[in-house]
Amino acid sequence: MPKMQIQEFILIDENDDSDLHWTLTGDGYLVAQPRIARTGIQIYKGHEMGVSQDTVRVFRPDTEVFGIDAMKTFAHRPVTLDHPAEPVNATNWRKLAVGQTGGEVARDGDFLRVPLVLMDQKAIDSVKAGKRQLSVGYLADVDWTSGVTDSGEAYDAVQKDIRANHLAIVAKARGGPLLAIGDDGETGVSTMKITVDGLDLELPDMAANIVTRALDKITTDKNTLQAMITTLETKLGTSTADIATLQTASQTKDGEIIALKQQLKDAELTPQQIDEKVREKLAVVGKVVAVLGDKYVTDGKSNEELRRAVVESKVGVEVTKSMSDAAVGGAFIAYTSMPAKQQYTPSKSNGVIDLASALVGDQEATDLRAKADAAWEKRGKILENSWQQRVS
């Protein structure tokens, strides 16, 4: 069977913003290092795979995506603006290519990552204007053998002998907005669109994947139960009680599907909620950087972890670890609200006094700290002279 030419759209299901970075060289070229391929199940329209059924679930095993022969074909591929009507080769690349991928193809978890450079001004302007999603055009053999993956996902066919032809910049990829060339100024909550019972819903990536898998499993279980009912009705005929039990189980699954659909609708984030989460995160990060400096790494940390880091820098770990998140939040507000000249750096005195100084912020706390420091000095002198008293 000849290889099929396929346009692949990758689905990224992690909250990883490492792809949202590109730079311009001194010559005006745009360079980036995005993910361009992945393993797992991908869903295609039937006509894309040359069959009459509505959709086809195609499995791409690790051994095929990360095989040496497959990986090396992703290097030095032409980059195009939208998919061309024909494969790119030496006779038409001058007309179709706007850049190319590099040679350092690397595995990144379940993905392939490769550097790229855009050298065509029209393509660079399109990226700047927001056309940033990516789609791979490639050839592959399709083995129409159905099965189930190790993680329990059913598939209709398997892709083998994958050979990349080009990488296209498109306006809207099947895998969603995370498969994109972006800039350093972009941030936000990653979302993915899914269709449930004919309704298009947009959810956070992780929630969408979890719900999709749950619905698929429930549907598979329901179909299995229905098949068992049919078999019992045809071959046994007399197992009325068993059939009734299976029908009840099938109806239970129907109820679970209805509940999950409602949960999908309830969990959908509005644009206003997404904006609010972004503003809250930026506000906390700005205050943390003001206290700990711009070299402190804030990526990957929750707002609670960032606030605790600021308080620890002021009163120490021993004091902070016994504080609740609410107490840490209050101390964080106190430290980040006072002017820099009033912020107190811990000295020899007890961490509790340091915390009091931060929370009270008045002369009383300052006097308390001075008394504590004076007591510390007096203790040192007593210890220093105690040997003379013992000798005498």
Foldseek 3Di string as FASTA:
>chain_A
DFWAKAKAADADQDPDCQLAAWDADPVGKIKGKFWADFFAWDKDAQVRVPHDDGIFIEGEDPCACVPPLAQQLQAFAFEFAPDDPDFDDPVCCVPTGQWTWHRPWDDDPRTIITMIMGNHPVVVVVVVVQQWAKIWIWIWDKAQDWDADPVGHTGRIYTHPIHTGYMYRGRAGPNGDSRTRHHPPDDWFAWDWDADPNDIAIAGSVVVVVLVVVLRVLVVVLVVLVVVLVVCCPPPVPVVVVNVVSVVVSVVSVVVSVVSVVVRVVRGDDPVNGVVVVVVVVVLVVLLCVQVNPVDDPPPDDSLVSLLVSLCQALNDVVSVVDDSVVSVLLSCLQSVDDPVLQDHDDPFHSVLSSVCSNVVDVVSVVVRVVRVVVVVVVVVCVVCVVVVVVD
